[in-house]
């Protein structure tokens, strides 16, 4: 067992790996547990080609020993004094050889435990690979027919509008309702497939940000338009309003807080739009009537832009509140539980923060996320924003 990359380099330099090849030629069964990286892969591939069975071991950096066990009758355990050293004589400390069965067998047990652990790890990793491959294929195949379904249903709805005068009101309303049902459920499938693919990219390490400077107002307006289109004909008693931060805004306790230019942030606009859509979608889903208020603000003390979405819905389910941003955390009518999980991961990737609070004094909840800003014009003139952030920004009449 070679617990670190450096230990393999040292063993190779003193001829230990050559001795393992010789042992194989003498029909000795050799199993090796070791760390592995690209630099030593060639050495290990040579051993594999000779018939040595090698498994990668995931070991903590504080591992202090390596060991050789021979036929369950003899063992050599070498304690590492300083793993950073390149010379064997400088790196090792105490070395213990034993041919006592009582001493050797516990080391055999240790080795076999590690061996079984790596076997289970490799099986789990292969199962994850197969699962991820299946999820990607399923999500892609699911996404392919969705757009024609949505486009076809929208075309039907537009055509119905153009021939409305030729249809009985009850027939027209029924057909529009059915079209909306198709669009709504196909859109749910589309969002599910996109969320699954993005979660797979996040966990697979292929998640990338395409950063550019964008206006906060444009991001919010685009997200609001998408949500209003999704709930077209429904939620007639729910209104989304946006209170932007710019000239004419005041911040409680701040003097000279006017800012004439539009607020800009450096981000992946598509992914931040996704965060806004996820939160707005939840707000619409759980709000029967009233107002959903979107607010943007600046916190100069933290150099952050804050975007807040306040609804008047049913509030946060107490059963999921402690794990609100975890994967698959949702109540029975709240969807898959991927939306807020992905939102947090996206905000984290931007070095930002996201949190949720219950509204005081009325129903509903407020979701807020903060993104860092730099070189913000006029930032030094804004003073200190209260902790409440966007909730304290008010329109001057």
Protein backbone atom coordinates (compact mmCIF):
# COMPACT_ATOMS: atom_id res chain seq x y z
CA UNK A 1 0.00 0.00 0.00
CA UNK A 2 1.41 3.36 -1.14
CA UNK A 3 -0.76 6.08 0.44
CA UNK A 4 0.64 9.14 -1.39
CA UNK A 5 1.98 10.13 -4.80
CA UNK A 6 5.40 10.96 -3.33
CA UNK A 7 5.68 7.53 -1.73
CA UNK A 8 5.31 5.89 -5.15
CA UNK A 9 8.01 8.12 -6.62
CA UNK A 10 10.37 7.18 -3.80
CA UNK A 11 9.62 3.45 -4.07
CA UNK A 12 10.19 3.61 -7.80
CA UNK A 13 13.55 5.33 -7.36
CA UNK A 14 14.87 2.57 -5.08
CA UNK A 15 13.60 -0.25 -7.30
CA UNK A 16 10.53 -1.46 -5.39
CA UNK A 17 8.27 -1.36 -8.45
CA UNK A 18 10.80 -3.45 -10.40
CA UNK A 19 10.73 -5.99 -7.57
CA UNK A 20 6.95 -6.23 -7.95
CA UNK A 21 7.38 -7.03 -11.65
CA UNK A 22 9.88 -9.75 -10.75
CA UNK A 23 7.42 -11.18 -8.24
CA UNK A 24 4.74 -11.37 -10.94
CA UNK A 25 7.12 -13.31 -13.20
CA UNK A 26 7.57 -15.78 -10.34
CA UNK A 27 3.77 -16.30 -10.37
CA UNK A 28 3.22 -14.29 -7.19
CA UNK A 29 -0.17 -12.61 -6.92
CA UNK A 30 0.39 -8.90 -6.35
CA UNK A 31 -2.29 -6.44 -5.27
CA UNK A 32 -1.51 -2.75 -4.81
CA UNK A 33 -3.51 -0.01 -3.14
CA UNK A 34 -2.15 3.42 -4.02
CA UNK A 35 -2.79 7.04 -4.76
CA UNK A 36 -2.80 7.89 -8.45
CA UNK A 37 -2.46 10.91 -10.70
CA UNK A 38 -1.38 11.70 -14.26
CA UNK A 39 2.31 11.96 -13.32
CA UNK A 40 2.65 8.39 -12.10
CA UNK A 41 0.06 6.80 -14.38
CA UNK A 42 2.76 5.50 -16.73
CA UNK A 43 4.49 3.67 -13.84
CA UNK A 44 1.24 2.11 -12.72
CA UNK A 45 0.23 1.17 -16.28
CA UNK A 46 3.50 -0.76 -16.60
CA UNK A 47 2.62 -2.70 -13.45
CA UNK A 48 -0.89 -3.36 -14.72
CA UNK A 49 0.52 -4.63 -18.03
CA UNK A 50 2.62 -7.12 -16.08
CA UNK A 51 -0.43 -8.45 -14.21
CA UNK A 52 -0.37 -6.40 -11.01
CA UNK A 53 -3.89 -5.63 -9.78
CA UNK A 54 -4.03 -1.94 -8.78
CA UNK A 55 -6.79 0.01 -7.15
CA UNK A 56 -6.87 3.70 -6.41
CA UNK A 57 -7.23 4.51 -2.73
CA UNK A 58 -8.74 7.72 -1.43
CA UNK A 59 -6.70 8.43 1.71
CA UNK A 60 -6.44 11.43 4.00
CA UNK A 61 -3.27 13.50 3.77
CA UNK A 62 -2.34 12.63 7.34
CA UNK A 63 -1.71 8.98 6.44
CA UNK A 64 1.59 8.07 8.10
CA UNK A 65 2.48 4.58 6.93
CA UNK A 66 2.82 2.23 4.00
CA UNK A 67 3.01 -1.53 4.27
CA UNK A 68 4.00 -4.72 2.52
CA UNK A 69 2.44 -8.03 3.52
CA UNK A 70 3.93 -11.31 2.30
CA UNK A 71 1.90 -14.53 2.30
CA UNK A 72 0.21 -13.59 5.57
CA UNK A 73 3.41 -14.68 7.31
CA UNK A 74 5.62 -11.61 7.17
CA UNK A 75 4.96 -7.89 7.13
CA UNK A 76 6.98 -4.73 6.69
CA UNK A 77 5.41 -1.50 7.89
CA UNK A 78 7.24 1.76 7.15
CA UNK A 79 6.23 4.92 8.98
CA UNK A 80 6.58 8.18 7.06
CA UNK A 81 8.36 10.99 8.86
CA UNK A 82 8.24 13.66 6.14
CA UNK A 83 6.33 12.86 2.96
CA UNK A 84 7.58 16.00 1.20
CA UNK A 85 11.11 14.57 0.94
CA UNK A 86 12.16 12.97 -2.33
CA UNK A 87 14.83 10.66 -0.86
CA UNK A 88 13.68 7.49 0.85
CA UNK A 89 16.23 7.82 3.66
CA UNK A 90 15.03 11.33 4.49
CA UNK A 91 11.30 10.62 4.25
CA UNK A 92 10.92 7.48 6.36
CA UNK A 93 10.98 7.08 10.10
CA UNK A 94 10.41 3.84 11.98
CA UNK A 95 10.26 0.60 9.95
CA UNK A 96 8.93 -2.59 11.53
CA UNK A 97 9.42 -6.09 10.14
CA UNK A 98 7.55 -9.01 11.67
CA UNK A 99 7.20 -12.71 10.94
CA UNK A 100 4.82 -13.27 13.86
CA UNK A 101 1.41 -14.42 12.67
CA UNK A 102 -0.29 -12.58 15.54
CA UNK A 103 1.30 -9.34 14.34
CA UNK A 104 0.89 -9.90 10.61
CA UNK A 105 -2.80 -10.90 10.50
CA UNK A 106 -4.15 -7.56 11.81
CA UNK A 107 -2.30 -5.85 8.94
CA UNK A 108 -3.88 -8.33 6.56
CA UNK A 109 -7.27 -7.34 7.94
CA UNK A 110 -6.48 -3.66 7.47
CA UNK A 111 -5.39 -4.22 3.88
CA UNK A 112 -8.45 -6.35 3.02
CA UNK A 113 -10.75 -3.71 4.54
CA UNK A 114 -9.17 -1.04 2.37
CA UNK A 115 -9.40 -3.34 -0.66
CA UNK A 116 -13.11 -3.98 -0.15
CA UNK A 117 -13.70 -0.28 0.42
CA UNK A 118 -12.07 0.65 -2.88
CA UNK A 119 -14.06 -2.06 -4.64
CA UNK A 120 -17.32 -0.63 -3.29
CA UNK A 121 -16.16 2.87 -4.23
CA UNK A 122 -15.42 1.81 -7.80
CA UNK A 123 -18.81 0.11 -8.08
CA UNK A 124 -20.55 3.21 -6.74
CA UNK A 125 -18.60 5.43 -9.13
CA UNK A 126 -19.55 3.22 -12.08
CA UNK A 127 -23.19 3.23 -10.95
CA UNK A 128 -23.07 7.04 -10.78
CA UNK A 129 -21.58 7.17 -14.26
CA UNK A 130 -24.33 4.94 -15.67
CA UNK A 131 -26.99 6.94 -13.80
CA UNK A 132 -25.64 10.26 -15.07
CA UNK A 133 -25.45 8.94 -18.61
CA UNK A 134 -29.04 7.69 -18.41
CA UNK A 135 -30.27 10.97 -16.90
CA UNK A 136 -28.57 13.00 -19.64
CA UNK A 137 -30.00 10.82 -22.41
CA UNK A 138 -33.48 10.81 -20.84
CA UNK A 139 -33.46 14.58 -20.31
CA UNK A 140 -32.29 15.25 -23.88
CA UNK A 141 -34.86 12.84 -25.34
CA UNK A 142 -37.55 14.40 -23.17
CA UNK A 143 -36.62 17.90 -24.27
CA UNK A 144 -36.68 17.12 -28.02
CA UNK A 145 -40.49 16.77 -28.51
CA UNK A 146 -41.47 19.43 -25.96
CA UNK A 147 -40.83 22.55 -28.08
CA UNK A 148 -43.03 21.37 -31.00
CA UNK A 149 -45.81 20.63 -28.48
CA UNK A 150 -45.55 24.09 -26.90
CA UNK A 151 -45.25 25.85 -30.27
CA UNK A 152 -48.20 23.91 -31.69
CA UNK A 153 -50.41 24.68 -28.70
CA UNK A 154 -49.49 28.39 -28.83
CA UNK A 155 -50.30 28.46 -32.55
CA UNK A 156 -53.68 26.85 -31.82
CA UNK A 157 -54.36 29.48 -29.15
CA UNK A 158 -53.47 32.33 -31.53
CA UNK A 159 -55.63 30.83 -34.28
CA UNK A 160 -58.56 30.53 -31.88
CA UNK A 161 -58.22 34.21 -31.04
CA UNK A 162 -58.36 35.14 -34.72
CA UNK A 163 -61.61 33.17 -35.27
CA UNK A 164 -63.20 33.98 -31.93
CA UNK A 165 -66.22 35.64 -33.53
CA UNK A 166 -67.05 32.45 -35.39
CA UNK A 167 -67.18 30.28 -32.25
CA UNK A 168 -69.65 30.05 -29.43
CA UNK A 169 -68.25 31.61 -26.24
CA UNK A 170 -68.41 28.34 -24.34
CA UNK A 171 -66.60 26.46 -27.12
CA UNK A 172 -63.97 29.18 -27.44
CA UNK A 173 -63.30 29.27 -23.69
CA UNK A 174 -63.04 25.49 -23.55
CA UNK A 175 -60.56 25.30 -26.42
CA UNK A 176 -58.41 28.10 -24.99
CA UNK A 177 -58.47 26.42 -21.59
CA UNK A 178 -57.34 23.13 -23.14
CA UNK A 179 -54.58 24.89 -25.10
CA UNK A 180 -53.37 26.57 -21.93
CA UNK A 181 -53.38 23.21 -20.17
CA UNK A 182 -51.16 21.71 -22.88
CA UNK A 183 -48.76 24.67 -22.78
CA UNK A 184 -48.59 24.70 -18.99
CA UNK A 185 -47.86 20.98 -18.62
CA UNK A 186 -45.43 20.89 -21.54
CA UNK A 187 -43.63 23.86 -19.99
CA UNK A 188 -43.36 21.92 -16.72
CA UNK A 189 -41.73 19.05 -18.60
CA UNK A 190 -39.40 21.48 -20.35
CA UNK A 191 -38.33 23.04 -17.04
CA UNK A 192 -37.89 19.60 -15.47
CA UNK A 193 -35.61 18.43 -18.29
CA UNK A 194 -33.56 21.64 -18.12
CA UNK A 195 -33.25 21.39 -14.32
CA UNK A 196 -32.15 17.76 -14.50
CA UNK A 197 -29.51 18.56 -17.11
CA UNK A 198 -28.21 21.53 -15.14
CA UNK A 199 -28.08 19.55 -11.88
CA UNK A 200 -26.13 16.87 -13.74
CA UNK A 201 -23.67 19.49 -15.04
CA UNK A 202 -23.23 20.95 -11.57
CA UNK A 203 -22.49 17.60 -10.00
CA UNK A 204 -20.37 16.48 -12.93
CA UNK A 205 -18.14 19.54 -12.82
CA UNK A 206 -19.10 20.76 -16.32
CA UNK A 207 -21.04 23.81 -15.11
CA UNK A 208 -19.68 27.01 -16.68
CA UNK A 209 -20.45 30.70 -16.33
CA UNK A 210 -20.51 33.06 -19.32
CA UNK A 211 -19.90 36.37 -17.57
CA UNK A 212 -20.78 39.79 -18.97
CA UNK A 213 -22.09 43.14 -17.76
CA UNK A 214 -25.89 43.41 -17.80
CA UNK A 215 -28.50 45.81 -16.48
CA UNK A 216 -30.49 44.56 -13.52
CA UNK A 217 -33.66 46.15 -14.92
CA UNK A 218 -33.35 44.12 -18.12
CA UNK A 219 -32.84 40.87 -16.21
CA UNK A 220 -35.90 41.48 -14.05
CA UNK A 221 -38.08 42.62 -16.98
CA UNK A 222 -37.18 39.52 -19.01
CA UNK A 223 -37.93 37.17 -16.12
CA UNK A 224 -41.24 38.90 -15.37
CA UNK A 225 -42.26 38.64 -19.03
CA UNK A 226 -41.53 34.90 -19.07
CA UNK A 227 -43.58 34.31 -15.93
CA UNK A 228 -46.49 36.44 -17.14
CA UNK A 229 -46.50 34.53 -20.43
CA UNK A 230 -46.45 31.21 -18.58
CA UNK A 231 -49.46 32.15 -16.44
CA UNK A 232 -51.34 33.93 -19.26
CA UNK A 233 -55.05 33.62 -18.60
CA UNK A 234 -54.46 32.39 -15.05
CA UNK A 235 -53.61 34.13 -11.79
CA UNK A 236 -55.66 37.17 -12.84
CA UNK A 237 -55.76 38.31 -9.23
CA UNK A 238 -51.95 38.32 -8.90
CA UNK A 239 -49.89 41.27 -10.08
CA UNK A 240 -46.09 41.47 -10.42
CA UNK A 241 -44.56 44.91 -9.90
CA UNK A 242 -40.95 46.01 -10.05
CA UNK A 243 -39.42 48.84 -8.02
CA UNK A 244 -35.99 49.55 -9.53
CA UNK A 245 -33.12 51.32 -7.79
CA UNK A 246 -32.20 54.52 -9.63
CA UNK A 247 -32.71 58.27 -9.55
CA UNK A 248 -35.77 59.15 -7.51
CA UNK A 249 -35.20 56.33 -5.03
CA UNK A 250 -34.28 56.91 -1.40
CA UNK A 251 -32.74 54.63 1.17
CA UNK A 252 -33.77 55.07 4.79
CA UNK A 253 -31.08 56.89 6.75
CA UNK A 254 -28.93 57.67 3.71
CA UNK A 255 -28.13 61.19 2.52
CA UNK A 256 -27.20 62.01 -1.08
CA UNK A 257 -28.36 58.55 -2.10
CA UNK A 258 -29.52 59.36 -5.61
CA UNK A 259 -28.07 57.41 -8.49
CA UNK A 260 -28.85 58.50 -12.04
CA UNK A 261 -27.45 55.58 -14.03
CA UNK A 262 -29.03 52.17 -14.33
CA UNK A 263 -27.77 49.46 -12.05
CA UNK A 264 -25.41 46.93 -13.71
CA UNK A 265 -23.88 43.67 -12.52
CA UNK A 266 -21.23 41.35 -13.94
CA UNK A 267 -22.78 37.89 -14.16
CA UNK A 268 -24.01 35.05 -16.34
CA UNK A 269 -27.25 36.72 -17.39
CA UNK A 270 -28.95 33.51 -18.53
CA UNK A 271 -28.34 31.77 -15.20
CA UNK A 272 -29.28 34.77 -13.05
CA UNK A 273 -32.46 35.02 -15.13
CA UNK A 274 -33.07 31.39 -14.27
CA UNK A 275 -32.78 32.21 -10.57
CA UNK A 276 -35.29 35.05 -10.96
CA UNK A 277 -37.69 32.83 -12.91
CA UNK A 278 -37.42 30.03 -10.33
CA UNK A 279 -38.26 32.36 -7.44
CA UNK A 280 -41.01 34.22 -9.35
CA UNK A 281 -42.52 30.92 -10.45
CA UNK A 282 -42.68 29.74 -6.84
CA UNK A 283 -44.20 33.06 -5.80
CA UNK A 284 -46.90 32.77 -8.47
CA UNK A 285 -47.54 29.14 -7.63
CA UNK A 286 -48.27 29.83 -3.96
CA UNK A 287 -50.00 33.22 -4.30
CA UNK A 288 -53.73 33.18 -4.98
CA UNK A 289 -54.25 36.93 -5.01
CA UNK A 290 -52.33 40.07 -4.22
CA UNK A 291 -49.01 41.49 -5.29
CA UNK A 292 -45.56 40.08 -5.98
CA UNK A 293 -43.02 42.87 -5.54
CA UNK A 294 -39.55 42.71 -7.07
CA UNK A 295 -37.05 45.22 -5.71
CA UNK A 296 -33.43 45.99 -6.56
CA UNK A 297 -31.04 47.83 -4.26
CA UNK A 298 -27.39 48.33 -3.40
CA UNK A 299 -25.61 47.57 -0.14
CA UNK A 300 -22.42 49.69 -0.25
CA UNK A 301 -21.09 48.24 3.02
CA UNK A 302 -20.90 44.77 1.45
CA UNK A 303 -20.43 45.96 -2.17
CA UNK A 304 -23.45 43.95 -3.23
CA UNK A 305 -26.46 44.30 -5.46
CA UNK A 306 -29.56 42.88 -3.79
CA UNK A 307 -32.64 41.63 -5.63
CA UNK A 308 -35.67 40.79 -3.53
CA UNK A 309 -38.94 39.02 -4.44
CA UNK A 310 -41.71 39.50 -1.89
CA UNK A 311 -45.01 37.64 -2.30
CA UNK A 312 -48.30 37.47 -0.42
CA UNK A 313 -48.71 33.73 -0.72
CA UNK A 314 -48.92 30.86 1.75
CA UNK A 315 -45.38 31.30 3.07
CA UNK A 316 -42.66 28.71 3.53
CA UNK A 317 -43.75 25.22 4.54
CA UNK A 318 -42.28 24.62 8.04
CA UNK A 319 -41.45 21.02 7.13
CA UNK A 320 -39.00 22.05 4.40
CA UNK A 321 -37.77 25.36 5.81
CA UNK A 322 -34.54 23.91 7.36
CA UNK A 323 -33.59 22.31 4.01
CA UNK A 324 -35.14 24.86 1.67
CA UNK A 325 -32.17 25.06 -0.73
CA UNK A 326 -31.31 21.35 -0.70
CA UNK A 327 -31.93 19.07 -3.66
CA UNK A 328 -35.41 17.50 -3.93
CA UNK A 329 -36.69 19.57 -1.01
CA UNK A 330 -40.34 20.25 -1.83
CA UNK A 331 -43.82 19.69 -0.48
CA UNK A 332 -46.40 17.62 -2.31
CA UNK A 333 -47.50 20.47 -4.62
CA UNK A 334 -44.21 22.32 -4.82
CA UNK A 335 -42.60 20.54 -7.77
CA UNK A 336 -39.36 18.58 -7.85
CA UNK A 337 -37.37 20.63 -5.36
CA UNK A 338 -34.66 21.34 -7.92
CA UNK A 339 -35.46 25.01 -8.56
CA UNK A 340 -34.17 26.51 -5.31
CA UNK A 341 -31.30 24.02 -5.17
CA UNK A 342 -30.11 25.14 -8.60
CA UNK A 343 -30.70 28.78 -7.68
CA UNK A 344 -28.42 28.50 -4.67
CA UNK A 345 -25.72 26.71 -6.64
CA UNK A 346 -25.85 29.41 -9.33
CA UNK A 347 -25.65 32.23 -6.77
CA UNK A 348 -22.82 30.40 -4.97
CA UNK A 349 -20.96 30.14 -8.27
CA UNK A 350 -21.18 33.94 -8.54
CA UNK A 351 -19.75 34.30 -5.00
CA UNK A 352 -23.13 35.61 -3.88
CA UNK A 353 -25.67 34.83 -1.18
CA UNK A 354 -29.33 33.78 -1.19
CA UNK A 355 -31.79 33.50 1.69
CA UNK A 356 -35.51 33.48 2.50
CA UNK A 357 -37.56 35.04 5.30
CA UNK A 358 -41.18 34.96 6.38
CA UNK A 359 -42.98 38.29 5.98
CA UNK A 360 -43.82 39.96 9.26
CA UNK A 361 -47.37 41.12 9.81
CA UNK A 362 -48.87 39.50 6.72
CA UNK A 363 -48.80 36.36 4.64
CA UNK A 364 -46.11 35.29 2.27
CA UNK A 365 -42.33 35.21 2.16
CA UNK A 366 -39.41 37.15 0.75
CA UNK A 367 -36.53 35.64 -1.17
CA UNK A 368 -33.41 37.77 -1.55
CA UNK A 369 -30.14 37.16 -3.32
CA UNK A 370 -27.03 39.32 -3.29
CA UNK A 371 -24.34 39.49 -5.95
CA UNK A 372 -20.97 41.20 -5.52
CA UNK A 373 -20.21 44.38 -7.44
CA UNK A 374 -16.99 46.25 -8.10
CA UNK A 375 -16.11 49.66 -9.58
CA UNK A 376 -19.69 50.79 -9.01
CA UNK A 377 -19.98 54.51 -10.00
CA UNK A 378 -21.03 56.69 -7.10
CA UNK A 379 -20.89 53.84 -4.61
CA UNK A 380 -18.98 55.95 -2.11
CA UNK A 381 -21.86 58.47 -2.00
CA UNK A 382 -24.55 55.97 -1.05
CA UNK A 383 -23.70 55.76 2.63
CA UNK A 384 -24.71 52.73 4.70
CA UNK A 385 -27.74 50.64 3.79
CA UNK A 386 -29.76 49.18 6.70
CA UNK A 387 -29.62 45.41 7.19
CA UNK A 388 -33.13 44.97 5.78
CA UNK A 389 -31.79 45.93 2.34
CA UNK A 390 -34.42 46.05 -0.40
CA UNK A 391 -37.32 46.16 2.07
CA UNK A 392 -36.21 49.68 3.08
CA UNK A 393 -36.07 51.06 -0.48
CA UNK A 394 -39.13 53.18 -1.18
CA UNK A 395 -40.41 55.12 -4.16
CA UNK A 396 -40.44 58.89 -3.67
CA UNK A 397 -43.76 60.29 -4.82
